[in-house]
Amino acid sequence: MRRSLRPSTPSPRLDTPLLFPAQRGGYLNLHNWRRDEWNPAVRAAGLEHLTPYAMRHAYAAFGIAAGVSLFALARRMGTSVEQIDKTYGHPLPDAVDYERGLLDAFDAASDAKEEAHG
């Protein structure tokens, strides 16, 4: 018996302005999506209940703390550098110390390079 190469469910439409359209087009029902998709995924990841916004906020804050550039975060999150800084930069009280450490490490590497060459 020959199998069909066509999927059993219709593919998402490519001509929609929505990034994640519902299966039959149009908008997703957010209540159903959170119940059927989001919450099971969060539980499967071993996390406590989180809203999509809380996860986005955590991603941005941890990214900033890890040294990911604001430019890279803005591109990944679909927003501007100014909005990332304004919205997500405030929960990082040790940001100044972190920046100082980066600059000190850069300065020490520059000094070591100069000493090696001259």
C-alpha atoms as a PDB file:
ATOM      1  CA  MET A   1       0.000   0.000   0.000  1.00  0.00           C
ATOM      2  CA  ARG A   2       1.345   3.396  -0.955  1.00  0.00           C
ATOM      3  CA  ARG A   3       1.387   6.138   1.690  1.00  0.00           C
ATOM      4  CA  SER A   4       0.290   9.644   0.906  1.00  0.00           C
ATOM      5  CA  LEU A   5       2.918  12.335   1.249  1.00  0.00           C
ATOM      6  CA  ARG A   6       0.261  14.886   2.163  1.00  0.00           C
ATOM      7  CA  PRO A   7       0.030  15.752   5.855  1.00  0.00           C
ATOM      8  CA  SER A   8      -3.114  14.669   7.661  1.00  0.00           C
ATOM      9  CA  THR A   9      -3.672  18.207   8.927  1.00  0.00           C
ATOM     10  CA  PRO A  10      -3.613  21.251   6.699  1.00  0.00           C
ATOM     11  CA  SER A  11      -0.412  23.279   6.633  1.00  0.00           C
ATOM     12  CA  PRO A  12      -0.520  26.817   7.966  1.00  0.00           C
ATOM     13  CA  ARG A  13      -1.278  29.413   5.360  1.00  0.00           C
ATOM     14  CA  LEU A  14       1.686  31.383   4.092  1.00  0.00           C
ATOM     15  CA  ASP A  15      -0.331  34.404   3.012  1.00  0.00           C
ATOM     16  CA  THR A  16      -1.462  35.461   6.490  1.00  0.00           C
ATOM     17  CA  PRO A  17      -0.068  38.512   8.307  1.00  0.00           C
ATOM     18  CA  LEU A  18      -0.256  36.545  11.588  1.00  0.00           C
ATOM     19  CA  LEU A  19       2.900  34.896  12.870  1.00  0.00           C
ATOM     20  CA  PHE A  20       0.972  32.079  14.565  1.00  0.00           C
ATOM     21  CA  PRO A  21      -2.448  31.800  12.929  1.00  0.00           C
ATOM     22  CA  ALA A  22      -5.055  29.369  14.183  1.00  0.00           C
ATOM     23  CA  GLN A  23      -5.286  26.050  12.357  1.00  0.00           C
ATOM     24  CA  ARG A  24      -8.093  27.342  10.133  1.00  0.00           C
ATOM     25  CA  GLY A  25      -6.685  30.872   9.912  1.00  0.00           C
ATOM     26  CA  GLY A  26      -7.488  33.856  12.062  1.00  0.00           C
ATOM     27  CA  TYR A  27      -6.444  34.451  15.636  1.00  0.00           C
ATOM     28  CA  LEU A  28      -5.640  31.809  18.235  1.00  0.00           C
ATOM     29  CA  ASN A  29      -7.939  31.472  21.217  1.00  0.00           C
ATOM     30  CA  LEU A  30      -5.425  32.427  23.930  1.00  0.00           C
ATOM     31  CA  HIS A  31      -7.293  30.646  26.716  1.00  0.00           C
ATOM     32  CA  ASN A  32      -7.265  27.362  24.779  1.00  0.00           C
ATOM     33  CA  TRP A  33      -3.652  27.857  23.642  1.00  0.00           C
ATOM     34  CA  ARG A  34      -2.433  28.405  27.193  1.00  0.00           C
ATOM     35  CA  ARG A  35      -4.423  25.427  28.468  1.00  0.00           C
ATOM     36  CA  ASP A  36      -3.519  23.034  25.635  1.00  0.00           C
ATOM     37  CA  GLU A  37      -0.004  24.162  24.641  1.00  0.00           C
ATOM     38  CA  TRP A  38       1.684  26.657  26.956  1.00  0.00           C
ATOM     39  CA  ASN A  39       0.947  25.217  30.409  1.00  0.00           C
ATOM     40  CA  PRO A  40       1.833  21.608  29.457  1.00  0.00           C
ATOM     41  CA  ALA A  41       5.116  22.844  27.929  1.00  0.00           C
ATOM     42  CA  VAL A  42       6.011  24.805  31.070  1.00  0.00           C
ATOM     43  CA  ARG A  43       5.233  21.766  33.260  1.00  0.00           C
ATOM     44  CA  ALA A  44       7.235  19.477  30.940  1.00  0.00           C
ATOM     45  CA  ALA A  45      10.205  21.813  31.361  1.00  0.00           C
ATOM     46  CA  GLY A  46       9.946  21.318  35.118  1.00  0.00           C
ATOM     47  CA  LEU A  47       9.006  24.938  35.799  1.00  0.00           C
ATOM     48  CA  GLU A  48       6.349  26.399  38.003  1.00  0.00           C
ATOM     49  CA  HIS A  49       3.441  28.139  36.328  1.00  0.00           C
ATOM     50  CA  LEU A  50       4.694  31.090  34.293  1.00  0.00           C
ATOM     51  CA  THR A  51       2.893  33.394  31.933  1.00  0.00           C
ATOM     52  CA  PRO A  52       4.421  34.007  28.504  1.00  0.00           C
ATOM     53  CA  TYR A  53       5.241  37.572  29.602  1.00  0.00           C
ATOM     54  CA  ALA A  54       7.024  36.337  32.748  1.00  0.00           C
ATOM     55  CA  MET A  55       9.064  33.927  30.610  1.00  0.00           C
ATOM     56  CA  ARG A  56       9.923  36.746  28.205  1.00  0.00           C
ATOM     57  CA  HIS A  57      10.949  38.967  31.117  1.00  0.00           C
ATOM     58  CA  ALA A  58      13.120  36.193  32.596  1.00  0.00           C
ATOM     59  CA  TYR A  59      14.748  35.530  29.215  1.00  0.00           C
ATOM     60  CA  ALA A  60      15.630  39.197  28.796  1.00  0.00           C
ATOM     61  CA  ALA A  61      16.875  39.667  32.368  1.00  0.00           C
ATOM     62  CA  PHE A  62      18.990  36.494  32.300  1.00  0.00           C
ATOM     63  CA  GLY A  63      20.299  37.396  28.858  1.00  0.00           C
ATOM     64  CA  ILE A  64      21.393  40.807  30.082  1.00  0.00           C
ATOM     65  CA  ALA A  65      22.964  39.272  33.209  1.00  0.00           C
ATOM     66  CA  ALA A  66      24.836  36.753  31.053  1.00  0.00           C
ATOM     67  CA  GLY A  67      26.302  39.538  28.934  1.00  0.00           C
ATOM     68  CA  VAL A  68      24.169  39.158  25.819  1.00  0.00           C
ATOM     69  CA  SER A  69      24.226  42.514  24.069  1.00  0.00           C
ATOM     70  CA  LEU A  70      21.095  44.612  24.152  1.00  0.00           C
ATOM     71  CA  PHE A  71      21.277  44.752  20.367  1.00  0.00           C
ATOM     72  CA  ALA A  72      21.207  40.935  20.122  1.00  0.00           C
ATOM     73  CA  LEU A  73      18.344  40.697  22.623  1.00  0.00           C
ATOM     74  CA  ALA A  74      16.375  43.373  20.800  1.00  0.00           C
ATOM     75  CA  ARG A  75      16.713  41.493  17.514  1.00  0.00           C
ATOM     76  CA  ARG A  76      15.799  38.140  19.083  1.00  0.00           C
ATOM     77  CA  MET A  77      12.818  39.599  20.935  1.00  0.00           C
ATOM     78  CA  GLY A  78      11.538  41.748  18.080  1.00  0.00           C
ATOM     79  CA  THR A  79      11.889  45.126  19.758  1.00  0.00           C
ATOM     80  CA  SER A  80      14.324  48.040  20.074  1.00  0.00           C
ATOM     81  CA  VAL A  81      17.469  48.397  22.171  1.00  0.00           C
ATOM     82  CA  GLU A  82      15.835  51.332  23.962  1.00  0.00           C
ATOM     83  CA  GLN A  83      12.780  49.242  24.846  1.00  0.00           C
ATOM     84  CA  ILE A  84      14.922  46.350  26.121  1.00  0.00           C
ATOM     85  CA  ASP A  85      16.895  48.718  28.343  1.00  0.00           C
ATOM     86  CA  LYS A  86      13.798  50.563  29.581  1.00  0.00           C
ATOM     87  CA  THR A  87      11.717  47.440  30.233  1.00  0.00           C
ATOM     88  CA  TYR A  88      14.191  44.763  31.251  1.00  0.00           C
ATOM     89  CA  GLY A  89      17.351  46.513  32.428  1.00  0.00           C
ATOM     90  CA  HIS A  90      16.080  47.670  35.823  1.00  0.00           C
ATOM     91  CA  PRO A  91      16.008  44.323  37.684  1.00  0.00           C
ATOM     92  CA  LEU A  92      19.774  43.983  37.447  1.00  0.00           C
ATOM     93  CA  PRO A  93      21.258  45.967  40.342  1.00  0.00           C
ATOM     94  CA  ASP A  94      24.732  44.506  39.794  1.00  0.00           C
ATOM     95  CA  ALA A  95      24.918  45.659  36.162  1.00  0.00           C
ATOM     96  CA  VAL A  96      27.459  48.377  36.979  1.00  0.00           C
ATOM     97  CA  ASP A  97      29.738  45.876  38.734  1.00  0.00           C
ATOM     98  CA  TYR A  98      29.388  43.470  35.818  1.00  0.00           C
ATOM     99  CA  GLU A  99      30.303  46.190  33.308  1.00  0.00           C
ATOM    100  CA  ARG A 100      33.263  47.248  35.440  1.00  0.00           C
ATOM    101  CA  GLY A 101      34.462  43.622  35.462  1.00  0.00           C
ATOM    102  CA  LEU A 102      34.210  43.417  31.670  1.00  0.00           C
ATOM    103  CA  LEU A 103      36.152  46.659  31.260  1.00  0.00           C
ATOM    104  CA  ASP A 104      38.786  45.585  33.796  1.00  0.00           C
ATOM    105  CA  ALA A 105      39.241  42.257  31.979  1.00  0.00           C
ATOM    106  CA  PHE A 106      39.544  44.061  28.638  1.00  0.00           C
ATOM    107  CA  ASP A 107      42.082  46.486  30.125  1.00  0.00           C
ATOM    108  CA  ALA A 108      44.136  43.640  31.640  1.00  0.00           C
ATOM    109  CA  ALA A 109      44.119  41.764  28.311  1.00  0.00           C
ATOM    110  CA  SER A 110      45.254  44.942  26.501  1.00  0.00           C
ATOM    111  CA  ASP A 111      48.083  45.457  29.012  1.00  0.00           C
ATOM    112  CA  ALA A 112      49.200  41.835  28.636  1.00  0.00           C
ATOM    113  CA  LYS A 113      49.141  42.178  24.855  1.00  0.00           C
ATOM    114  CA  GLU A 114      51.267  45.349  24.994  1.00  0.00           C
ATOM    115  CA  GLU A 115      53.781  43.712  27.314  1.00  0.00           C
ATOM    116  CA  ALA A 116      54.081  40.700  25.004  1.00  0.00           C
ATOM    117  CA  HIS A 117      54.759  42.904  21.985  1.00  0.00           C
ATOM    118  CA  GLY A 118      56.904  45.519  23.355  1.00  0.00           C
END
